[in-house]
N, C-alpha and C. Protein backbone atom coordinates (compact mmCIF):
# COMPACT_ATOMS: atom_id res chain seq x y z
N UNK A 1 18.74 34.87 -2.84
CA UNK A 1 17.89 33.72 -2.99
C UNK A 1 18.56 32.52 -2.30
N UNK A 2 17.92 31.98 -1.29
CA UNK A 2 18.45 30.82 -0.58
C UNK A 2 18.17 29.56 -1.38
N UNK A 3 19.15 28.67 -1.43
CA UNK A 3 19.01 27.41 -2.16
C UNK A 3 19.37 26.25 -1.24
N UNK A 4 18.81 25.07 -1.53
CA UNK A 4 19.23 23.88 -0.79
C UNK A 4 20.71 23.60 -1.05
N UNK A 5 21.33 22.79 -0.22
CA UNK A 5 22.74 22.47 -0.36
C UNK A 5 23.07 21.60 -1.55
N UNK A 6 22.12 20.89 -2.09
CA UNK A 6 22.34 20.04 -3.25
C UNK A 6 21.15 20.17 -4.18
N UNK A 7 21.43 20.49 -5.43
CA UNK A 7 20.38 20.63 -6.45
C UNK A 7 20.82 19.86 -7.67
N UNK A 8 19.95 19.04 -8.20
CA UNK A 8 20.24 18.35 -9.45
C UNK A 8 19.88 19.25 -10.62
N UNK A 9 20.68 19.17 -11.68
CA UNK A 9 20.39 19.89 -12.91
C UNK A 9 20.12 18.85 -13.99
N UNK A 10 18.98 18.95 -14.63
CA UNK A 10 18.58 17.99 -15.65
C UNK A 10 18.67 18.68 -17.01
N UNK A 11 19.32 18.02 -17.95
CA UNK A 11 19.61 18.61 -19.25
C UNK A 11 18.61 18.12 -20.30
N UNK A 12 18.12 19.05 -21.10
CA UNK A 12 17.17 18.75 -22.18
C UNK A 12 17.64 19.40 -23.47
N UNK A 13 17.42 18.73 -24.58
CA UNK A 13 17.69 19.30 -25.89
C UNK A 13 16.74 20.47 -26.15
N UNK A 14 15.51 20.35 -25.65
CA UNK A 14 14.51 21.42 -25.75
C UNK A 14 14.05 21.78 -24.34
N UNK A 15 14.83 22.57 -23.62
CA UNK A 15 14.50 22.84 -22.23
C UNK A 15 13.20 23.61 -22.02
N UNK A 16 12.81 24.47 -22.96
CA UNK A 16 11.53 25.18 -22.80
C UNK A 16 10.36 24.19 -22.81
N UNK A 17 10.40 23.23 -23.72
CA UNK A 17 9.36 22.21 -23.77
C UNK A 17 9.38 21.38 -22.49
N UNK A 18 10.57 21.11 -21.98
CA UNK A 18 10.70 20.32 -20.76
C UNK A 18 10.09 21.04 -19.56
N UNK A 19 10.32 22.34 -19.46
CA UNK A 19 9.76 23.12 -18.35
C UNK A 19 8.24 23.04 -18.37
N UNK A 20 7.65 23.26 -19.53
CA UNK A 20 6.19 23.19 -19.65
C UNK A 20 5.69 21.79 -19.31
N UNK A 21 6.41 20.77 -19.77
CA UNK A 21 6.01 19.39 -19.52
C UNK A 21 6.11 19.05 -18.04
N UNK A 22 7.19 19.47 -17.38
CA UNK A 22 7.36 19.18 -15.95
C UNK A 22 6.28 19.85 -15.11
N UNK A 23 5.83 21.03 -15.52
CA UNK A 23 4.71 21.67 -14.84
C UNK A 23 3.45 20.84 -15.01
N UNK A 24 3.16 20.46 -16.25
CA UNK A 24 1.93 19.73 -16.58
C UNK A 24 1.94 18.31 -16.01
N UNK A 25 3.04 17.59 -16.17
CA UNK A 25 3.09 16.18 -15.80
C UNK A 25 3.29 15.94 -14.31
N UNK A 26 4.17 16.71 -13.68
CA UNK A 26 4.57 16.42 -12.31
C UNK A 26 4.19 17.51 -11.31
N UNK A 27 3.74 18.67 -11.79
CA UNK A 27 3.36 19.73 -10.88
C UNK A 27 4.50 20.61 -10.39
N UNK A 28 5.64 20.61 -11.08
CA UNK A 28 6.72 21.52 -10.73
C UNK A 28 6.29 22.96 -10.97
N UNK A 29 6.89 23.90 -10.25
CA UNK A 29 6.60 25.32 -10.43
C UNK A 29 7.90 26.07 -10.74
N UNK A 30 7.85 26.95 -11.72
CA UNK A 30 9.01 27.76 -12.08
C UNK A 30 9.23 28.83 -11.02
N UNK A 31 10.47 28.93 -10.52
CA UNK A 31 10.82 29.99 -9.57
C UNK A 31 11.82 30.97 -10.16
N UNK A 32 12.52 30.55 -11.23
CA UNK A 32 13.47 31.43 -11.91
C UNK A 32 13.61 30.95 -13.34
N UNK A 33 13.48 31.88 -14.29
CA UNK A 33 13.61 31.54 -15.71
C UNK A 33 14.49 32.59 -16.37
N UNK A 34 15.59 32.15 -16.96
CA UNK A 34 16.54 33.04 -17.62
C UNK A 34 16.56 32.70 -19.10
N UNK A 35 16.30 33.71 -19.93
CA UNK A 35 16.32 33.53 -21.37
C UNK A 35 17.41 34.41 -21.97
N UNK A 36 18.00 33.92 -23.06
CA UNK A 36 19.01 34.75 -23.73
C UNK A 36 18.32 35.78 -24.62
N UNK A 37 19.10 36.58 -25.34
CA UNK A 37 18.54 37.66 -26.14
C UNK A 37 17.74 37.17 -27.35
N UNK A 38 17.79 35.86 -27.63
CA UNK A 38 17.00 35.28 -28.71
C UNK A 38 15.80 34.48 -28.19
N UNK A 39 15.54 34.57 -26.88
CA UNK A 39 14.39 33.91 -26.29
C UNK A 39 14.60 32.44 -25.94
N UNK A 40 15.85 31.96 -26.08
CA UNK A 40 16.14 30.56 -25.71
C UNK A 40 16.35 30.47 -24.21
N UNK A 41 15.94 29.35 -23.64
CA UNK A 41 16.11 29.14 -22.21
C UNK A 41 17.59 28.95 -21.91
N UNK A 42 18.13 29.80 -21.04
CA UNK A 42 19.52 29.69 -20.63
C UNK A 42 19.63 28.95 -19.29
N UNK A 43 18.63 29.11 -18.43
CA UNK A 43 18.64 28.48 -17.10
C UNK A 43 17.24 28.57 -16.52
N UNK A 44 16.86 27.53 -15.80
CA UNK A 44 15.56 27.54 -15.12
C UNK A 44 15.70 26.82 -13.80
N UNK A 45 15.00 27.34 -12.80
CA UNK A 45 14.90 26.67 -11.51
C UNK A 45 13.44 26.43 -11.23
N UNK A 46 13.14 25.20 -10.82
CA UNK A 46 11.77 24.79 -10.54
C UNK A 46 11.71 24.17 -9.15
N UNK A 47 10.56 24.27 -8.53
CA UNK A 47 10.40 23.63 -7.22
C UNK A 47 9.27 22.61 -7.27
N UNK A 48 9.40 21.66 -6.39
CA UNK A 48 8.36 20.67 -6.12
C UNK A 48 8.38 20.49 -4.62
N UNK A 49 7.38 21.03 -3.95
CA UNK A 49 7.42 21.04 -2.48
C UNK A 49 8.60 21.88 -2.03
N UNK A 50 9.46 21.31 -1.20
CA UNK A 50 10.63 22.03 -0.69
C UNK A 50 11.88 21.75 -1.52
N UNK A 51 11.75 21.01 -2.61
CA UNK A 51 12.91 20.64 -3.43
C UNK A 51 13.04 21.54 -4.64
N UNK A 52 14.28 21.69 -5.10
CA UNK A 52 14.59 22.51 -6.25
C UNK A 52 15.26 21.66 -7.32
N UNK A 53 14.95 21.94 -8.57
CA UNK A 53 15.53 21.27 -9.73
C UNK A 53 15.92 22.34 -10.73
N UNK A 54 17.12 22.22 -11.30
CA UNK A 54 17.54 23.12 -12.36
C UNK A 54 17.33 22.44 -13.71
N UNK A 55 16.91 23.20 -14.70
CA UNK A 55 16.70 22.72 -16.06
C UNK A 55 17.59 23.53 -16.98
N UNK A 56 18.26 22.84 -17.89
CA UNK A 56 19.12 23.54 -18.83
C UNK A 56 19.30 22.77 -20.12
N UNK A 57 20.08 23.35 -21.00
CA UNK A 57 20.42 22.71 -22.27
C UNK A 57 21.88 22.31 -22.23
N UNK A 58 22.31 21.46 -23.16
CA UNK A 58 23.72 21.04 -23.16
C UNK A 58 24.65 22.25 -23.31
N UNK A 59 25.62 22.37 -22.42
CA UNK A 59 26.53 23.50 -22.44
C UNK A 59 27.99 23.06 -22.53
N UNK A 60 28.20 21.75 -22.65
CA UNK A 60 29.54 21.18 -22.76
C UNK A 60 29.43 19.91 -23.59
N UNK A 61 30.50 19.53 -24.25
CA UNK A 61 30.47 18.35 -25.12
C UNK A 61 30.16 17.06 -24.39
N UNK A 62 30.36 16.99 -23.08
CA UNK A 62 30.08 15.78 -22.31
C UNK A 62 28.71 15.79 -21.64
N UNK A 63 27.90 16.78 -21.94
CA UNK A 63 26.57 16.90 -21.34
C UNK A 63 25.52 16.73 -22.43
N UNK A 64 24.54 15.84 -22.16
CA UNK A 64 23.49 15.58 -23.14
C UNK A 64 22.24 15.08 -22.44
N UNK A 65 21.15 15.18 -23.13
CA UNK A 65 19.89 14.58 -22.71
C UNK A 65 19.91 13.12 -23.17
N UNK A 66 19.24 12.21 -22.46
CA UNK A 66 19.20 10.81 -22.92
C UNK A 66 18.75 10.66 -24.37
N UNK A 67 17.82 11.51 -24.80
CA UNK A 67 17.34 11.44 -26.18
C UNK A 67 18.41 11.75 -27.20
N UNK A 68 19.48 12.41 -26.76
CA UNK A 68 20.58 12.77 -27.65
C UNK A 68 21.65 11.69 -27.72
N UNK A 69 21.60 10.72 -26.81
CA UNK A 69 22.64 9.68 -26.73
C UNK A 69 22.02 8.28 -26.69
N UNK A 70 21.02 8.08 -27.51
CA UNK A 70 20.43 6.75 -27.64
C UNK A 70 19.66 6.27 -26.42
N UNK A 71 19.19 7.18 -25.57
CA UNK A 71 18.37 6.81 -24.43
C UNK A 71 19.15 6.43 -23.19
N UNK A 72 20.46 6.47 -23.22
CA UNK A 72 21.27 6.14 -22.04
C UNK A 72 21.19 7.28 -21.03
N UNK A 73 21.32 6.92 -19.76
CA UNK A 73 21.33 7.92 -18.70
C UNK A 73 22.25 7.46 -17.58
N UNK A 74 22.81 8.40 -16.86
CA UNK A 74 23.70 8.05 -15.74
C UNK A 74 23.11 8.45 -14.39
N UNK A 75 21.91 9.00 -14.40
CA UNK A 75 21.24 9.33 -13.15
C UNK A 75 19.74 9.25 -13.35
N UNK A 76 19.04 9.08 -12.26
CA UNK A 76 17.59 9.16 -12.29
C UNK A 76 17.17 10.23 -11.29
N UNK A 77 15.94 10.67 -11.40
CA UNK A 77 15.43 11.69 -10.49
C UNK A 77 14.29 11.06 -9.69
N UNK A 78 14.27 11.34 -8.39
CA UNK A 78 13.28 10.77 -7.48
C UNK A 78 12.44 11.91 -6.91
N UNK A 79 11.12 11.75 -6.97
CA UNK A 79 10.19 12.69 -6.35
C UNK A 79 9.50 11.96 -5.21
N UNK A 80 9.59 12.50 -4.01
CA UNK A 80 8.90 11.94 -2.85
C UNK A 80 7.66 12.79 -2.60
N UNK A 81 6.50 12.18 -2.72
CA UNK A 81 5.23 12.89 -2.58
C UNK A 81 4.67 12.78 -1.17
N UNK A 82 3.80 13.70 -0.85
CA UNK A 82 2.96 13.57 0.34
C UNK A 82 1.59 13.06 -0.08
N UNK A 83 1.35 12.95 -1.38
CA UNK A 83 0.01 12.64 -1.88
C UNK A 83 -0.12 11.27 -2.50
N UNK A 84 -1.07 11.18 -3.40
CA UNK A 84 -1.51 9.94 -4.03
C UNK A 84 -0.64 9.60 -5.24
N UNK A 85 0.14 8.53 -5.14
CA UNK A 85 1.03 8.11 -6.23
C UNK A 85 0.23 7.70 -7.46
N UNK A 86 -0.88 7.02 -7.27
CA UNK A 86 -1.68 6.56 -8.41
C UNK A 86 -2.25 7.75 -9.20
N UNK A 87 -2.73 8.76 -8.49
CA UNK A 87 -3.25 9.96 -9.16
C UNK A 87 -2.11 10.70 -9.88
N UNK A 88 -0.95 10.77 -9.24
CA UNK A 88 0.21 11.41 -9.87
C UNK A 88 0.62 10.66 -11.13
N UNK A 89 0.61 9.34 -11.06
CA UNK A 89 0.94 8.52 -12.23
C UNK A 89 -0.05 8.77 -13.37
N UNK A 90 -1.32 8.85 -13.05
CA UNK A 90 -2.33 9.12 -14.08
C UNK A 90 -2.10 10.49 -14.72
N UNK A 91 -1.75 11.49 -13.91
CA UNK A 91 -1.47 12.83 -14.42
C UNK A 91 -0.25 12.80 -15.36
N UNK A 92 0.80 12.11 -14.94
CA UNK A 92 2.01 12.02 -15.76
C UNK A 92 1.72 11.28 -17.07
N UNK A 93 0.99 10.18 -16.97
CA UNK A 93 0.63 9.41 -18.18
C UNK A 93 -0.16 10.28 -19.15
N UNK A 94 -1.12 11.05 -18.63
CA UNK A 94 -1.94 11.93 -19.48
C UNK A 94 -1.09 12.99 -20.17
N UNK A 95 0.01 13.38 -19.54
CA UNK A 95 0.91 14.38 -20.11
C UNK A 95 1.93 13.76 -21.07
N UNK A 96 1.90 12.43 -21.22
CA UNK A 96 2.78 11.77 -22.17
C UNK A 96 3.94 11.02 -21.57
N UNK A 97 4.01 10.92 -20.24
CA UNK A 97 5.07 10.12 -19.63
C UNK A 97 4.91 8.67 -20.05
N UNK A 98 6.02 7.99 -20.29
CA UNK A 98 5.99 6.56 -20.61
C UNK A 98 6.21 5.82 -19.30
N UNK A 99 5.15 5.22 -18.79
CA UNK A 99 5.22 4.51 -17.52
C UNK A 99 5.79 3.12 -17.79
N UNK A 100 6.94 2.81 -17.18
CA UNK A 100 7.50 1.47 -17.39
C UNK A 100 7.49 0.63 -16.13
N UNK A 101 7.09 1.20 -15.01
CA UNK A 101 6.84 0.45 -13.78
C UNK A 101 5.60 1.06 -13.14
N UNK A 102 4.50 0.36 -13.21
CA UNK A 102 3.22 0.84 -12.67
C UNK A 102 3.31 1.00 -11.15
N UNK A 103 2.43 1.80 -10.55
CA UNK A 103 2.45 1.96 -9.10
C UNK A 103 2.39 0.62 -8.38
N UNK A 104 3.29 0.47 -7.41
CA UNK A 104 3.39 -0.79 -6.68
C UNK A 104 3.92 -0.51 -5.28
N UNK A 105 3.40 -1.24 -4.29
CA UNK A 105 3.88 -1.11 -2.92
C UNK A 105 5.25 -1.78 -2.81
N UNK A 106 6.17 -1.11 -2.09
CA UNK A 106 7.54 -1.61 -1.94
C UNK A 106 7.76 -2.14 -0.53
N UNK A 107 8.75 -3.02 -0.38
CA UNK A 107 9.04 -3.64 0.91
C UNK A 107 9.44 -2.63 1.98
N UNK A 108 9.91 -1.47 1.58
CA UNK A 108 10.39 -0.47 2.54
C UNK A 108 9.31 0.54 2.94
N UNK A 109 8.07 0.33 2.47
CA UNK A 109 6.96 1.15 2.94
C UNK A 109 6.51 2.26 2.02
N UNK A 110 7.06 2.35 0.83
CA UNK A 110 6.63 3.35 -0.16
C UNK A 110 5.81 2.68 -1.25
N UNK A 111 5.00 3.48 -1.91
CA UNK A 111 4.33 3.07 -3.14
C UNK A 111 5.00 3.88 -4.24
N UNK A 112 5.47 3.23 -5.30
CA UNK A 112 6.25 3.90 -6.33
C UNK A 112 5.78 3.55 -7.73
N UNK A 113 6.11 4.45 -8.66
CA UNK A 113 6.04 4.15 -10.09
C UNK A 113 7.26 4.77 -10.74
N UNK A 114 7.57 4.29 -11.95
CA UNK A 114 8.72 4.82 -12.70
C UNK A 114 8.30 5.13 -14.13
N UNK A 115 8.90 6.20 -14.67
CA UNK A 115 8.56 6.60 -16.03
C UNK A 115 9.72 7.28 -16.72
N UNK A 116 9.58 7.39 -18.04
CA UNK A 116 10.48 8.20 -18.87
C UNK A 116 9.75 9.49 -19.20
N UNK A 117 10.48 10.61 -19.21
CA UNK A 117 9.87 11.87 -19.62
C UNK A 117 10.01 12.05 -21.13
N UNK A 118 9.71 13.24 -21.62
CA UNK A 118 9.67 13.50 -23.05
C UNK A 118 11.01 13.34 -23.76
N UNK A 119 12.13 13.36 -23.03
CA UNK A 119 13.44 13.15 -23.66
C UNK A 119 14.16 11.93 -23.12
N UNK A 120 13.46 11.11 -22.34
CA UNK A 120 14.04 9.84 -21.90
C UNK A 120 14.64 9.80 -20.51
N UNK A 121 14.60 10.91 -19.76
CA UNK A 121 15.07 10.86 -18.37
C UNK A 121 14.18 9.91 -17.59
N UNK A 122 14.76 9.21 -16.63
CA UNK A 122 14.01 8.28 -15.80
C UNK A 122 13.65 8.97 -14.49
N UNK A 123 12.37 8.89 -14.14
CA UNK A 123 11.84 9.47 -12.91
C UNK A 123 11.21 8.36 -12.08
N UNK A 124 11.48 8.37 -10.78
CA UNK A 124 10.79 7.51 -9.82
C UNK A 124 9.95 8.42 -8.94
N UNK A 125 8.70 8.08 -8.75
CA UNK A 125 7.81 8.87 -7.91
C UNK A 125 7.29 7.95 -6.81
N UNK A 126 7.38 8.41 -5.56
CA UNK A 126 7.02 7.57 -4.43
C UNK A 126 6.31 8.37 -3.36
N UNK A 127 5.56 7.66 -2.54
CA UNK A 127 4.95 8.22 -1.34
C UNK A 127 4.99 7.15 -0.26
N UNK A 128 5.28 7.58 0.94
CA UNK A 128 5.30 6.65 2.06
C UNK A 128 3.87 6.23 2.38
N UNK A 129 3.65 4.93 2.49
CA UNK A 129 2.31 4.43 2.82
C UNK A 129 2.27 3.70 4.16
N UNK A 130 3.47 3.38 4.70
CA UNK A 130 3.53 2.76 6.02
C UNK A 130 4.93 2.91 6.58
N UNK A 131 5.02 2.99 7.90
CA UNK A 131 6.32 3.03 8.58
C UNK A 131 6.80 1.59 8.73
N UNK A 132 8.02 1.33 8.28
CA UNK A 132 8.57 -0.02 8.33
C UNK A 132 9.94 0.04 9.01
N UNK A 133 10.14 -0.78 10.01
CA UNK A 133 11.42 -0.81 10.70
C UNK A 133 12.49 -1.43 9.80
N UNK A 134 13.74 -1.17 10.14
CA UNK A 134 14.86 -1.75 9.39
C UNK A 134 14.75 -3.28 9.41
N UNK A 135 14.46 -3.85 10.57
CA UNK A 135 14.35 -5.31 10.68
C UNK A 135 13.25 -5.85 9.76
N UNK A 136 12.12 -5.15 9.70
CA UNK A 136 11.02 -5.59 8.84
C UNK A 136 11.40 -5.43 7.36
N UNK A 137 12.09 -4.34 7.01
CA UNK A 137 12.56 -4.17 5.62
C UNK A 137 13.47 -5.32 5.23
N UNK A 138 14.39 -5.69 6.14
CA UNK A 138 15.30 -6.80 5.85
C UNK A 138 14.52 -8.10 5.66
N UNK A 139 13.54 -8.33 6.50
CA UNK A 139 12.74 -9.56 6.38
C UNK A 139 11.93 -9.58 5.10
N UNK A 140 11.33 -8.45 4.74
CA UNK A 140 10.51 -8.39 3.53
C UNK A 140 11.33 -8.43 2.25
N UNK A 141 12.46 -7.71 2.25
CA UNK A 141 13.23 -7.54 1.02
C UNK A 141 14.38 -8.50 0.84
N UNK A 142 14.79 -9.16 1.93
CA UNK A 142 15.90 -10.09 1.82
C UNK A 142 17.26 -9.41 1.70
N UNK A 143 17.34 -8.14 2.07
CA UNK A 143 18.59 -7.39 1.98
C UNK A 143 19.11 -7.08 3.37
N UNK A 144 20.41 -6.97 3.51
CA UNK A 144 21.03 -6.47 4.74
C UNK A 144 21.04 -4.94 4.61
N UNK A 145 20.46 -4.26 5.58
CA UNK A 145 20.34 -2.81 5.54
C UNK A 145 21.10 -2.19 6.70
N UNK A 146 21.96 -1.24 6.39
CA UNK A 146 22.71 -0.51 7.40
C UNK A 146 22.33 0.96 7.29
N UNK A 147 21.93 1.52 8.40
CA UNK A 147 21.54 2.94 8.43
C UNK A 147 22.23 3.58 9.64
N UNK A 148 23.52 3.94 9.51
CA UNK A 148 24.27 4.45 10.65
C UNK A 148 23.65 5.67 11.33
N UNK A 149 22.96 6.52 10.59
CA UNK A 149 22.43 7.74 11.21
C UNK A 149 21.02 7.54 11.76
N UNK A 150 20.46 6.36 11.59
CA UNK A 150 19.09 6.10 12.05
C UNK A 150 19.04 5.87 13.53
């Protein structure tokens, strides 16, 4: 099984519920599901377009879902769509996502929204709506932007 060079693993206290929710809310598809002899989810791999995400449960004392540590998180997950951000946001909201940043056009040419999932992970969902040069991004956003590989 070929995998991308970098895959994020997102931890849930109830990973089976998370897998079902990610399918319903964001359109992820299960490509690999490993259960232990008691039917608990041991490991899951899901795809969204060409991207892969691993889902699991806490397996070390330093690993937890945000819901297990008072809502704190040290990473967010970003989904880049080819489709309609507003429709995606409506789908996520209907599935119970807590939208804390409604869809909005950004200075860099994307339309984005942000939400919390069922255990408090933060997700940003975006789609490119216009091509914007580095100079125009700097003018619109007021930031100095360096893109050595561009």
